[in-house]
Protein backbone atom coordinates (compact mmCIF):
# COMPACT_ATOMS: atom_id res chain seq x y z
CA MET A 1 -5.97 -16.49 9.89
CA ASP A 2 -9.61 -16.67 10.87
CA VAL A 3 -11.80 -14.03 9.15
CA LYS A 4 -13.67 -13.42 12.46
CA VAL A 5 -10.39 -11.69 13.81
CA PHE A 6 -11.41 -9.10 10.81
CA PHE A 7 -14.67 -8.54 12.15
CA VAL A 8 -13.51 -8.42 15.75
CA ASN A 9 -11.18 -5.65 14.86
CA ARG A 10 -13.60 -3.65 12.63
CA LYS A 11 -11.39 -4.18 9.16
CA LEU A 12 -14.27 -6.14 8.18
CA ARG A 13 -17.98 -4.99 9.26
CA LYS A 14 -21.56 -6.57 8.76
CA ILE A 15 -24.08 -3.77 6.89
CA ALA A 16 -27.28 -4.37 5.30
CA PRO A 17 -26.76 -5.91 1.77
CA ASP A 18 -26.56 -3.09 -1.08
CA SER A 19 -27.25 -4.30 -4.39
CA GLU A 20 -26.77 -0.54 -5.44
CA LYS A 21 -23.45 -0.60 -4.13
CA SER A 22 -22.21 -3.87 -5.31
CA GLU A 23 -23.65 -2.90 -8.80
CA GLN A 24 -21.86 0.47 -8.92
CA SER A 25 -18.63 -1.36 -7.72
CA GLY A 26 -19.18 -4.24 -10.67
CA LYS A 27 -19.12 -0.90 -13.19
CA ILE A 28 -16.07 0.50 -11.89
CA ALA A 29 -14.47 -2.70 -12.08
CA GLU A 30 -15.38 -2.97 -15.64
CA ASN A 31 -14.34 0.53 -16.69
CA LYS A 32 -10.84 -0.01 -14.40
CA LEU A 33 -10.43 -3.11 -16.48
CA GLU A 34 -10.70 -1.66 -19.76
CA GLU A 35 -8.62 1.39 -18.79
CA ALA A 36 -5.95 -1.21 -17.89
CA LYS A 37 -6.02 -2.82 -21.05
CA LYS A 38 -5.50 0.43 -23.02
CA LEU A 39 -2.84 1.39 -20.66
CA PHE A 40 -1.12 -1.95 -21.39
CA ASN A 41 -1.38 -1.39 -24.91
CA PHE A 42 0.47 1.63 -24.63
CA GLU A 43 3.32 0.52 -22.96
CA PHE A 44 2.39 2.13 -19.55
CA TYR A 45 2.78 -1.04 -17.68
CA GLU A 46 3.08 0.34 -14.04
CA GLN A 47 -0.12 2.18 -14.47
CA ALA A 48 -1.54 -1.12 -15.90
CA ILE A 49 -0.78 -2.98 -13.17
CA LEU A 50 -2.10 -0.49 -10.66
CA THR A 51 -5.29 0.14 -12.87
CA ALA A 52 -5.87 -3.67 -13.23
CA TYR A 53 -5.51 -4.13 -9.20
CA THR A 54 -8.18 -1.42 -8.82
CA SER A 55 -10.49 -3.33 -11.33
CA MET A 56 -9.83 -6.71 -9.02
CA PHE A 57 -10.51 -4.74 -5.82
CA HIS A 58 -13.63 -3.08 -6.98
CA ILE A 59 -15.13 -6.45 -7.83
CA ALA A 60 -14.31 -8.13 -4.87
CA ARG A 61 -16.06 -5.00 -3.18
CA ALA A 62 -19.03 -5.82 -5.40
CA LEU A 63 -19.33 -9.27 -3.69
CA LEU A 64 -18.92 -7.77 -0.15
CA TYR A 65 -21.72 -5.33 -0.54
CA LYS A 66 -23.80 -8.15 -2.01
CA ASP A 67 -23.00 -10.24 1.23
CA GLY A 68 -23.58 -7.30 3.59
CA VAL A 69 -20.15 -6.71 4.50
CA GLN A 70 -17.97 -3.43 4.44
CA GLU A 71 -14.17 -3.47 4.24
CA LYS A 72 -11.88 -1.05 5.87
CA SER A 73 -8.72 -3.32 4.40
CA HIS A 74 -7.45 -4.71 1.29
CA TYR A 75 -5.74 -7.35 3.54
CA ALA A 76 -8.95 -8.25 4.98
CA VAL A 77 -10.93 -8.79 1.75
CA TYR A 78 -8.54 -11.54 1.13
CA PHE A 79 -8.96 -13.21 3.91
CA TYR A 80 -13.19 -12.55 3.52
CA LEU A 81 -13.02 -14.24 -0.26
CA LYS A 82 -10.53 -16.91 0.90
CA GLU A 83 -13.13 -18.29 3.60
CA ARG A 84 -16.56 -17.11 1.80
CA CYS A 85 -15.79 -18.18 -1.75
CA GLY A 86 -12.59 -20.56 -1.39
CA VAL A 87 -10.47 -18.15 -3.30
CA ILE A 88 -7.01 -18.74 -3.02
CA LEU A 89 -4.49 -16.48 -4.25
CA LYS A 90 -0.66 -16.82 -4.18
């Protein structure tokens, strides 16, 4: 699927690049990753997975803000990263 479709249907939209929001999302990602590690160590596996996902989402969001893109869909983020950064997730 072409990422342009997500801009047309407003699941992604262009905004001014925002280094402050990018940095904030990066910090949230770091904090969530540390939280996920602690949850995993205490054998709260389901919560650890959810928190690790949240960490990955926020680091992706940091990249989008840096590029001047606002997301409205996690699915659209995948396609944006795949096209923009060559990220391929299976």
